[in-house]
Amino acid sequence: MNRVVITGIGAVTPLGLDKNTLWKNLAAGRSGISRVESIDVSAYPSQIGGEIKDFDPHV
């Protein structure tokens, strides 16, 4: 059997970009689902989704 090592925990979600913010928003009963604003979704059957705002993958 191979060993597995967990070195940390992280989250990138519509409710927060780190575990503390995510937990605070989950505990407050907030939803990360809203109308998508960052791209034109008018051609799709749904304009609602879990958009991750203020996320910079290069940080």
PDB file of N, CA and C in Angstrom:
ATOM      1  N   MET A   1       0.841  -1.171   0.000  1.00  0.00           N
ATOM      2  CA  MET A   1       0.000   0.000   0.000  1.00  0.00           C
ATOM      3  C   MET A   1       0.894   1.245   0.000  1.00  0.00           C
ATOM      4  N   ASN A   2       0.527   2.239  -0.814  1.00  0.00           N
ATOM      5  CA  ASN A   2       1.274   3.497  -0.874  1.00  0.00           C
ATOM      6  C   ASN A   2       0.877   4.420   0.263  1.00  0.00           C
ATOM      7  N   ARG A   3       1.830   5.190   0.731  1.00  0.00           N
ATOM      8  CA  ARG A   3       1.547   6.184   1.763  1.00  0.00           C
ATOM      9  C   ARG A   3       1.018   7.456   1.117  1.00  0.00           C
ATOM     10  N   VAL A   4       0.139   8.118   1.825  1.00  0.00           N
ATOM     11  CA  VAL A   4      -0.425   9.386   1.380  1.00  0.00           C
ATOM     12  C   VAL A   4      -0.170  10.412   2.471  1.00  0.00           C
ATOM     13  N   VAL A   5       0.261  11.598   2.067  1.00  0.00           N
ATOM     14  CA  VAL A   5       0.518  12.667   3.026  1.00  0.00           C
ATOM     15  C   VAL A   5      -0.333  13.875   2.651  1.00  0.00           C
ATOM     16  N   ILE A   6      -1.109  14.351   3.592  1.00  0.00           N
ATOM     17  CA  ILE A   6      -1.891  15.572   3.396  1.00  0.00           C
ATOM     18  C   ILE A   6      -1.100  16.708   4.020  1.00  0.00           C
ATOM     19  N   THR A   7      -0.751  17.693   3.197  1.00  0.00           N
ATOM     20  CA  THR A   7       0.107  18.779   3.684  1.00  0.00           C
ATOM     21  C   THR A   7      -0.651  20.057   3.997  1.00  0.00           C
ATOM     22  N   GLY A   8      -1.928  20.099   3.689  1.00  0.00           N
ATOM     23  CA  GLY A   8      -2.703  21.306   3.971  1.00  0.00           C
ATOM     24  C   GLY A   8      -4.106  21.181   3.435  1.00  0.00           C
ATOM     25  N   ILE A   9      -4.852  22.231   3.615  1.00  0.00           N
ATOM     26  CA  ILE A   9      -6.221  22.261   3.128  1.00  0.00           C
ATOM     27  C   ILE A   9      -6.465  23.621   2.491  1.00  0.00           C
ATOM     28  N   GLY A  10      -7.189  23.619   1.413  1.00  0.00           N
ATOM     29  CA  GLY A  10      -7.491  24.873   0.733  1.00  0.00           C
ATOM     30  C   GLY A  10      -8.827  24.770   0.036  1.00  0.00           C
ATOM     31  N   ALA A  11      -9.309  25.913  -0.398  1.00  0.00           N
ATOM     32  CA  ALA A  11     -10.591  25.944  -1.091  1.00  0.00           C
ATOM     33  C   ALA A  11     -10.622  27.120  -2.055  1.00  0.00           C
ATOM     34  N   VAL A  12     -11.185  26.884  -3.209  1.00  0.00           N
ATOM     35  CA  VAL A  12     -11.470  27.954  -4.166  1.00  0.00           C
ATOM     36  C   VAL A  12     -12.924  27.737  -4.568  1.00  0.00           C
ATOM     37  N   THR A  13     -13.816  28.506  -3.983  1.00  0.00           N
ATOM     38  CA  THR A  13     -15.249  28.329  -4.187  1.00  0.00           C
ATOM     39  C   THR A  13     -15.934  29.682  -4.337  1.00  0.00           C
ATOM     40  N   PRO A  14     -17.186  29.695  -4.780  1.00  0.00           N
ATOM     41  CA  PRO A  14     -17.919  30.958  -4.832  1.00  0.00           C
ATOM     42  C   PRO A  14     -18.144  31.576  -3.446  1.00  0.00           C
ATOM     43  N   LEU A  15     -18.009  30.779  -2.399  1.00  0.00           N
ATOM     44  CA  LEU A  15     -18.218  31.287  -1.042  1.00  0.00           C
ATOM     45  C   LEU A  15     -16.942  31.748  -0.363  1.00  0.00           C
ATOM     46  N   GLY A  16     -15.813  31.547  -0.987  1.00  0.00           N
ATOM     47  CA  GLY A  16     -14.563  31.994  -0.384  1.00  0.00           C
ATOM     48  C   GLY A  16     -13.365  31.377  -1.057  1.00  0.00           C
ATOM     49  N   LEU A  17     -12.264  32.101  -1.000  1.00  0.00           N
ATOM     50  CA  LEU A  17     -11.028  31.633  -1.631  1.00  0.00           C
ATOM     51  C   LEU A  17     -10.074  30.990  -0.634  1.00  0.00           C
ATOM     52  N   ASP A  18     -10.539  30.807   0.585  1.00  0.00           N
ATOM     53  CA  ASP A  18      -9.739  30.122   1.606  1.00  0.00           C
ATOM     54  C   ASP A  18     -10.697  29.413   2.562  1.00  0.00           C
ATOM     55  N   LYS A  19     -10.153  28.507   3.364  1.00  0.00           N
ATOM     56  CA  LYS A  19     -11.021  27.667   4.193  1.00  0.00           C
ATOM     57  C   LYS A  19     -11.780  28.454   5.253  1.00  0.00           C
ATOM     58  N   ASN A  20     -11.175  29.498   5.809  1.00  0.00           N
ATOM     59  CA  ASN A  20     -11.848  30.269   6.851  1.00  0.00           C
ATOM     60  C   ASN A  20     -13.039  31.054   6.303  1.00  0.00           C
ATOM     61  N   THR A  21     -12.857  31.712   5.168  1.00  0.00           N
ATOM     62  CA  THR A  21     -13.954  32.461   4.550  1.00  0.00           C
ATOM     63  C   THR A  21     -15.057  31.516   4.096  1.00  0.00           C
ATOM     64  N   LEU A  22     -14.678  30.391   3.514  1.00  0.00           N
ATOM     65  CA  LEU A  22     -15.659  29.390   3.091  1.00  0.00           C
ATOM     66  C   LEU A  22     -16.492  28.933   4.282  1.00  0.00           C
ATOM     67  N   TRP A  23     -15.841  28.585   5.380  1.00  0.00           N
ATOM     68  CA  TRP A  23     -16.558  28.086   6.556  1.00  0.00           C
ATOM     69  C   TRP A  23     -17.494  29.154   7.126  1.00  0.00           C
ATOM     70  N   LYS A  24     -17.020  30.404   7.194  1.00  0.00           N
ATOM     71  CA  LYS A  24     -17.837  31.496   7.720  1.00  0.00           C
ATOM     72  C   LYS A  24     -19.105  31.665   6.884  1.00  0.00           C
ATOM     73  N   ASN A  25     -18.974  31.622   5.572  1.00  0.00           N
ATOM     74  CA  ASN A  25     -20.127  31.787   4.692  1.00  0.00           C
ATOM     75  C   ASN A  25     -21.057  30.581   4.724  1.00  0.00           C
ATOM     76  N   LEU A  26     -20.497  29.374   4.829  1.00  0.00           N
ATOM     77  CA  LEU A  26     -21.335  28.178   4.973  1.00  0.00           C
ATOM     78  C   LEU A  26     -22.130  28.234   6.270  1.00  0.00           C
ATOM     79  N   ALA A  27     -21.461  28.585   7.365  1.00  0.00           N
ATOM     80  CA  ALA A  27     -22.112  28.653   8.673  1.00  0.00           C
ATOM     81  C   ALA A  27     -23.199  29.725   8.702  1.00  0.00           C
ATOM     82  N   ALA A  28     -23.031  30.784   7.921  1.00  0.00           N
ATOM     83  CA  ALA A  28     -24.025  31.856   7.855  1.00  0.00           C
ATOM     84  C   ALA A  28     -25.179  31.512   6.915  1.00  0.00           C
ATOM     85  N   GLY A  29     -25.097  30.362   6.237  1.00  0.00           N
ATOM     86  CA  GLY A  29     -26.170  29.928   5.342  1.00  0.00           C
ATOM     87  C   GLY A  29     -26.187  30.630   3.999  1.00  0.00           C
ATOM     88  N   ARG A  30     -25.067  31.205   3.613  1.00  0.00           N
ATOM     89  CA  ARG A  30     -25.001  31.910   2.329  1.00  0.00           C
ATOM     90  C   ARG A  30     -24.890  30.918   1.173  1.00  0.00           C
ATOM     91  N   SER A  31     -25.354  31.351   0.013  1.00  0.00           N
ATOM     92  CA  SER A  31     -25.249  30.551  -1.205  1.00  0.00           C
ATOM     93  C   SER A  31     -24.251  31.205  -2.149  1.00  0.00           C
ATOM     94  N   GLY A  32     -23.474  30.401  -2.846  1.00  0.00           N
ATOM     95  CA  GLY A  32     -22.546  30.924  -3.836  1.00  0.00           C
ATOM     96  C   GLY A  32     -23.127  30.933  -5.237  1.00  0.00           C
ATOM     97  N   ILE A  33     -24.393  30.603  -5.355  1.00  0.00           N
ATOM     98  CA  ILE A  33     -25.047  30.529  -6.652  1.00  0.00           C
ATOM     99  C   ILE A  33     -25.735  31.861  -6.949  1.00  0.00           C
ATOM    100  N   SER A  34     -25.452  32.408  -8.128  1.00  0.00           N
ATOM    101  CA  SER A  34     -26.046  33.688  -8.524  1.00  0.00           C
ATOM    102  C   SER A  34     -26.010  33.803 -10.046  1.00  0.00           C
ATOM    103  N   ARG A  35     -26.524  34.907 -10.558  1.00  0.00           N
ATOM    104  CA  ARG A  35     -26.488  35.150 -11.997  1.00  0.00           C
ATOM    105  C   ARG A  35     -25.037  35.372 -12.424  1.00  0.00           C
ATOM    106  N   VAL A  36     -24.598  34.692 -13.480  1.00  0.00           N
ATOM    107  CA  VAL A  36     -23.224  34.811 -13.982  1.00  0.00           C
ATOM    108  C   VAL A  36     -23.047  36.187 -14.612  1.00  0.00           C
ATOM    109  N   GLU A  37     -21.970  36.880 -14.217  1.00  0.00           N
ATOM    110  CA  GLU A  37     -21.732  38.238 -14.699  1.00  0.00           C
ATOM    111  C   GLU A  37     -20.437  38.395 -15.497  1.00  0.00           C
ATOM    112  N   SER A  38     -19.501  37.474 -15.351  1.00  0.00           N
ATOM    113  CA  SER A  38     -18.172  37.677 -15.946  1.00  0.00           C
ATOM    114  C   SER A  38     -18.099  37.364 -17.440  1.00  0.00           C
ATOM    115  N   ILE A  39     -19.042  36.573 -17.936  1.00  0.00           N
ATOM    116  CA  ILE A  39     -19.067  36.237 -19.362  1.00  0.00           C
ATOM    117  C   ILE A  39     -20.506  36.321 -19.870  1.00  0.00           C
ATOM    118  N   ASP A  40     -20.663  36.397 -21.169  1.00  0.00           N
ATOM    119  CA  ASP A  40     -21.989  36.418 -21.777  1.00  0.00           C
ATOM    120  C   ASP A  40     -22.531  34.992 -21.828  1.00  0.00           C
ATOM    121  N   VAL A  41     -23.582  34.737 -21.083  1.00  0.00           N
ATOM    122  CA  VAL A  41     -24.169  33.397 -21.040  1.00  0.00           C
ATOM    123  C   VAL A  41     -25.570  33.370 -21.661  1.00  0.00           C
ATOM    124  N   SER A  42     -25.897  34.400 -22.437  1.00  0.00           N
ATOM    125  CA  SER A  42     -27.244  34.499 -23.006  1.00  0.00           C
ATOM    126  C   SER A  42     -27.576  33.346 -23.957  1.00  0.00           C
ATOM    127  N   ALA A  43     -26.576  32.706 -24.529  1.00  0.00           N
ATOM    128  CA  ALA A  43     -26.816  31.595 -25.455  1.00  0.00           C
ATOM    129  C   ALA A  43     -27.051  30.264 -24.735  1.00  0.00           C
ATOM    130  N   TYR A  44     -26.882  30.239 -23.422  1.00  0.00           N
ATOM    131  CA  TYR A  44     -27.025  29.002 -22.656  1.00  0.00           C
ATOM    132  C   TYR A  44     -28.407  28.923 -22.011  1.00  0.00           C
ATOM    133  N   PRO A  45     -28.890  27.706 -21.749  1.00  0.00           N
ATOM    134  CA  PRO A  45     -30.212  27.555 -21.146  1.00  0.00           C
ATOM    135  C   PRO A  45     -30.304  28.146 -19.735  1.00  0.00           C
ATOM    136  N   SER A  46     -29.185  28.239 -19.047  1.00  0.00           N
ATOM    137  CA  SER A  46     -29.178  28.797 -17.693  1.00  0.00           C
ATOM    138  C   SER A  46     -28.146  29.916 -17.600  1.00  0.00           C
ATOM    139  N   GLN A  47     -28.498  30.958 -16.915  1.00  0.00           N
ATOM    140  CA  GLN A  47     -27.572  32.067 -16.691  1.00  0.00           C
ATOM    141  C   GLN A  47     -27.158  32.144 -15.222  1.00  0.00           C
ATOM    142  N   ILE A  48     -27.373  31.064 -14.502  1.00  0.00           N
ATOM    143  CA  ILE A  48     -27.084  31.006 -13.072  1.00  0.00           C
ATOM    144  C   ILE A  48     -25.998  29.965 -12.835  1.00  0.00           C
ATOM    145  N   GLY A  49     -25.073  30.278 -11.919  1.00  0.00           N
ATOM    146  CA  GLY A  49     -24.005  29.329 -11.624  1.00  0.00           C
ATOM    147  C   GLY A  49     -23.208  29.730 -10.400  1.00  0.00           C
ATOM    148  N   GLY A  50     -22.214  28.947 -10.090  1.00  0.00           N
ATOM    149  CA  GLY A  50     -21.323  29.211  -8.963  1.00  0.00           C
ATOM    150  C   GLY A  50     -20.062  29.895  -9.448  1.00  0.00           C
ATOM    151  N   GLU A  51     -20.161  31.163  -9.728  1.00  0.00           N
ATOM    152  CA  GLU A  51     -19.044  31.934 -10.282  1.00  0.00           C
ATOM    153  C   GLU A  51     -18.052  32.313  -9.176  1.00  0.00           C
ATOM    154  N   ILE A  52     -16.785  32.082  -9.440  1.00  0.00           N
ATOM    155  CA  ILE A  52     -15.741  32.438  -8.473  1.00  0.00           C
ATOM    156  C   ILE A  52     -15.232  33.823  -8.823  1.00  0.00           C
ATOM    157  N   LYS A  53     -15.557  34.793  -7.975  1.00  0.00           N
ATOM    158  CA  LYS A  53     -15.196  36.189  -8.222  1.00  0.00           C
ATOM    159  C   LYS A  53     -13.886  36.518  -7.510  1.00  0.00           C
ATOM    160  N   ASP A  54     -13.160  37.468  -8.046  1.00  0.00           N
ATOM    161  CA  ASP A  54     -11.900  37.949  -7.445  1.00  0.00           C
ATOM    162  C   ASP A  54     -10.843  36.857  -7.334  1.00  0.00           C
ATOM    163  N   PHE A  55     -10.848  35.906  -8.249  1.00  0.00           N
ATOM    164  CA  PHE A  55      -9.861  34.824  -8.221  1.00  0.00           C
ATOM    165  C   PHE A  55      -8.764  35.102  -9.231  1.00  0.00           C
ATOM    166  N   ASP A  56      -7.529  35.079  -8.771  1.00  0.00           N
ATOM    167  CA  ASP A  56      -6.368  35.235  -9.647  1.00  0.00           C
ATOM    168  C   ASP A  56      -5.537  33.958  -9.549  1.00  0.00           C
ATOM    169  N   PRO A  57      -5.544  33.120 -10.578  1.00  0.00           N
ATOM    170  CA  PRO A  57      -4.819  31.846 -10.506  1.00  0.00           C
ATOM    171  C   PRO A  57      -3.307  32.015 -10.440  1.00  0.00           C
ATOM    172  N   HIS A  58      -2.822  33.221 -10.669  1.00  0.00           N
ATOM    173  CA  HIS A  58      -1.376  33.454 -10.677  1.00  0.00           C
ATOM    174  C   HIS A  58      -0.834  33.889  -9.324  1.00  0.00           C
ATOM    175  N   VAL A  59      -1.700  34.052  -8.345  1.00  0.00           N
ATOM    176  CA  VAL A  59      -1.243  34.492  -7.017  1.00  0.00           C
ATOM    177  C   VAL A  59      -0.655  33.329  -6.267  1.00  0.00           C
TER     178      VAL A  59
END
